[in-house]
Amino acid sequence: MKNEFNFADNIDKTKITLIRHYMAEKGMDSADFDEQLAKEINEAVEVMYRKYVPRAVRELFAQEALR
């Protein structure tokens, strides 16, 4: 198992640049894009978390987070 987070290398930075450009043309702030992107990434991570991490581990992790 790799411990490094290199998924950012696989994100299409050209498309991100184009999205930000056209958002700016419409008067939108890139912070709006950043918020939306983070929200959608977190939603995808949650789906994968529930799919791949066993329930017992998730429950243990949730208990530890409450302490």
C-alpha atoms as a PDB file:
ATOM      1  CA  MET A   1       0.000   0.000   0.000  1.00  0.00           C
ATOM      2  CA  LYS A   2       1.358   3.390  -0.971  1.00  0.00           C
ATOM      3  CA  ASN A   3       1.156   6.088   1.670  1.00  0.00           C
ATOM      4  CA  GLU A   4       1.557   8.992  -0.704  1.00  0.00           C
ATOM      5  CA  PHE A   5      -1.335  10.971  -2.083  1.00  0.00           C
ATOM      6  CA  ASN A   6      -0.463  11.468  -5.715  1.00  0.00           C
ATOM      7  CA  PHE A   7      -3.993  11.657  -7.134  1.00  0.00           C
ATOM      8  CA  ALA A   8      -3.448  15.350  -7.869  1.00  0.00           C
ATOM      9  CA  ASP A   9      -0.994  14.300 -10.565  1.00  0.00           C
ATOM     10  CA  ASN A  10      -3.876  12.570 -12.345  1.00  0.00           C
ATOM     11  CA  ILE A  11      -6.274  15.524 -12.312  1.00  0.00           C
ATOM     12  CA  ASP A  12      -6.684  17.327 -15.624  1.00  0.00           C
ATOM     13  CA  LYS A  13      -5.226  20.720 -14.759  1.00  0.00           C
ATOM     14  CA  THR A  14      -6.024  22.076 -18.229  1.00  0.00           C
ATOM     15  CA  LYS A  15      -9.738  21.546 -17.640  1.00  0.00           C
ATOM     16  CA  ILE A  16      -9.515  23.145 -14.209  1.00  0.00           C
ATOM     17  CA  THR A  17      -7.801  26.166 -15.752  1.00  0.00           C
ATOM     18  CA  LEU A  18     -10.491  26.434 -18.429  1.00  0.00           C
ATOM     19  CA  ILE A  19     -13.302  26.130 -15.874  1.00  0.00           C
ATOM     20  CA  ARG A  20     -11.774  28.913 -13.771  1.00  0.00           C
ATOM     21  CA  HIS A  21     -11.293  31.099 -16.854  1.00  0.00           C
ATOM     22  CA  TYR A  22     -14.915  30.816 -17.956  1.00  0.00           C
ATOM     23  CA  MET A  23     -16.195  31.230 -14.415  1.00  0.00           C
ATOM     24  CA  ALA A  24     -14.211  34.467 -14.179  1.00  0.00           C
ATOM     25  CA  GLU A  25     -15.742  35.628 -17.467  1.00  0.00           C
ATOM     26  CA  LYS A  26     -19.160  35.190 -15.870  1.00  0.00           C
ATOM     27  CA  GLY A  27     -18.034  37.155 -12.814  1.00  0.00           C
ATOM     28  CA  MET A  28     -17.722  34.128 -10.560  1.00  0.00           C
ATOM     29  CA  ASP A  29     -14.937  33.777  -8.036  1.00  0.00           C
ATOM     30  CA  SER A  30     -12.543  30.836  -8.265  1.00  0.00           C
ATOM     31  CA  ALA A  31     -13.251  30.232  -4.573  1.00  0.00           C
ATOM     32  CA  ASP A  32     -16.712  29.053  -5.676  1.00  0.00           C
ATOM     33  CA  PHE A  33     -15.046  26.503  -7.922  1.00  0.00           C
ATOM     34  CA  ASP A  34     -12.675  25.423  -5.147  1.00  0.00           C
ATOM     35  CA  GLU A  35     -15.584  24.914  -2.745  1.00  0.00           C
ATOM     36  CA  GLN A  36     -17.602  22.933  -5.281  1.00  0.00           C
ATOM     37  CA  LEU A  37     -14.607  20.790  -6.267  1.00  0.00           C
ATOM     38  CA  ALA A  38     -13.779  20.040  -2.627  1.00  0.00           C
ATOM     39  CA  LYS A  39     -17.423  19.133  -1.951  1.00  0.00           C
ATOM     40  CA  GLU A  40     -17.573  16.747  -4.894  1.00  0.00           C
ATOM     41  CA  ILE A  41     -14.204  15.157  -4.051  1.00  0.00           C
ATOM     42  CA  ASN A  42     -15.333  14.625  -0.447  1.00  0.00           C
ATOM     43  CA  GLU A  43     -18.570  13.028  -1.664  1.00  0.00           C
ATOM     44  CA  ALA A  44     -16.594  10.632  -3.880  1.00  0.00           C
ATOM     45  CA  VAL A  45     -14.211   9.838  -1.023  1.00  0.00           C
ATOM     46  CA  GLU A  46     -17.181   9.071   1.241  1.00  0.00           C
ATOM     47  CA  VAL A  47     -18.603   6.645  -1.334  1.00  0.00           C
ATOM     48  CA  MET A  48     -15.267   4.875  -1.684  1.00  0.00           C
ATOM     49  CA  TYR A  49     -14.749   4.897   2.111  1.00  0.00           C
ATOM     50  CA  ARG A  50     -18.071   3.110   2.618  1.00  0.00           C
ATOM     51  CA  LYS A  51     -17.320   0.721  -0.228  1.00  0.00           C
ATOM     52  CA  TYR A  52     -13.794  -0.340   0.755  1.00  0.00           C
ATOM     53  CA  VAL A  53     -13.360   0.221   4.504  1.00  0.00           C
ATOM     54  CA  PRO A  54     -15.070  -2.458   6.605  1.00  0.00           C
ATOM     55  CA  ARG A  55     -17.964  -1.253   8.759  1.00  0.00           C
ATOM     56  CA  ALA A  56     -16.253  -2.328  11.998  1.00  0.00           C
ATOM     57  CA  VAL A  57     -13.237  -0.180  11.141  1.00  0.00           C
ATOM     58  CA  ARG A  58     -15.449   2.790  10.231  1.00  0.00           C
ATOM     59  CA  GLU A  59     -17.336   2.448  13.512  1.00  0.00           C
ATOM     60  CA  LEU A  60     -14.108   2.228  15.503  1.00  0.00           C
ATOM     61  CA  PHE A  61     -12.755   5.274  13.710  1.00  0.00           C
ATOM     62  CA  ALA A  62     -15.974   7.193  14.418  1.00  0.00           C
ATOM     63  CA  GLN A  63     -15.764   6.312  18.121  1.00  0.00           C
ATOM     64  CA  GLU A  64     -12.161   7.504  18.291  1.00  0.00           C
ATOM     65  CA  ALA A  65     -13.101  10.764  16.571  1.00  0.00           C
ATOM     66  CA  LEU A  66     -15.682  11.476  19.293  1.00  0.00           C
ATOM     67  CA  ARG A  67     -13.074  11.323  22.059  1.00  0.00           C
END
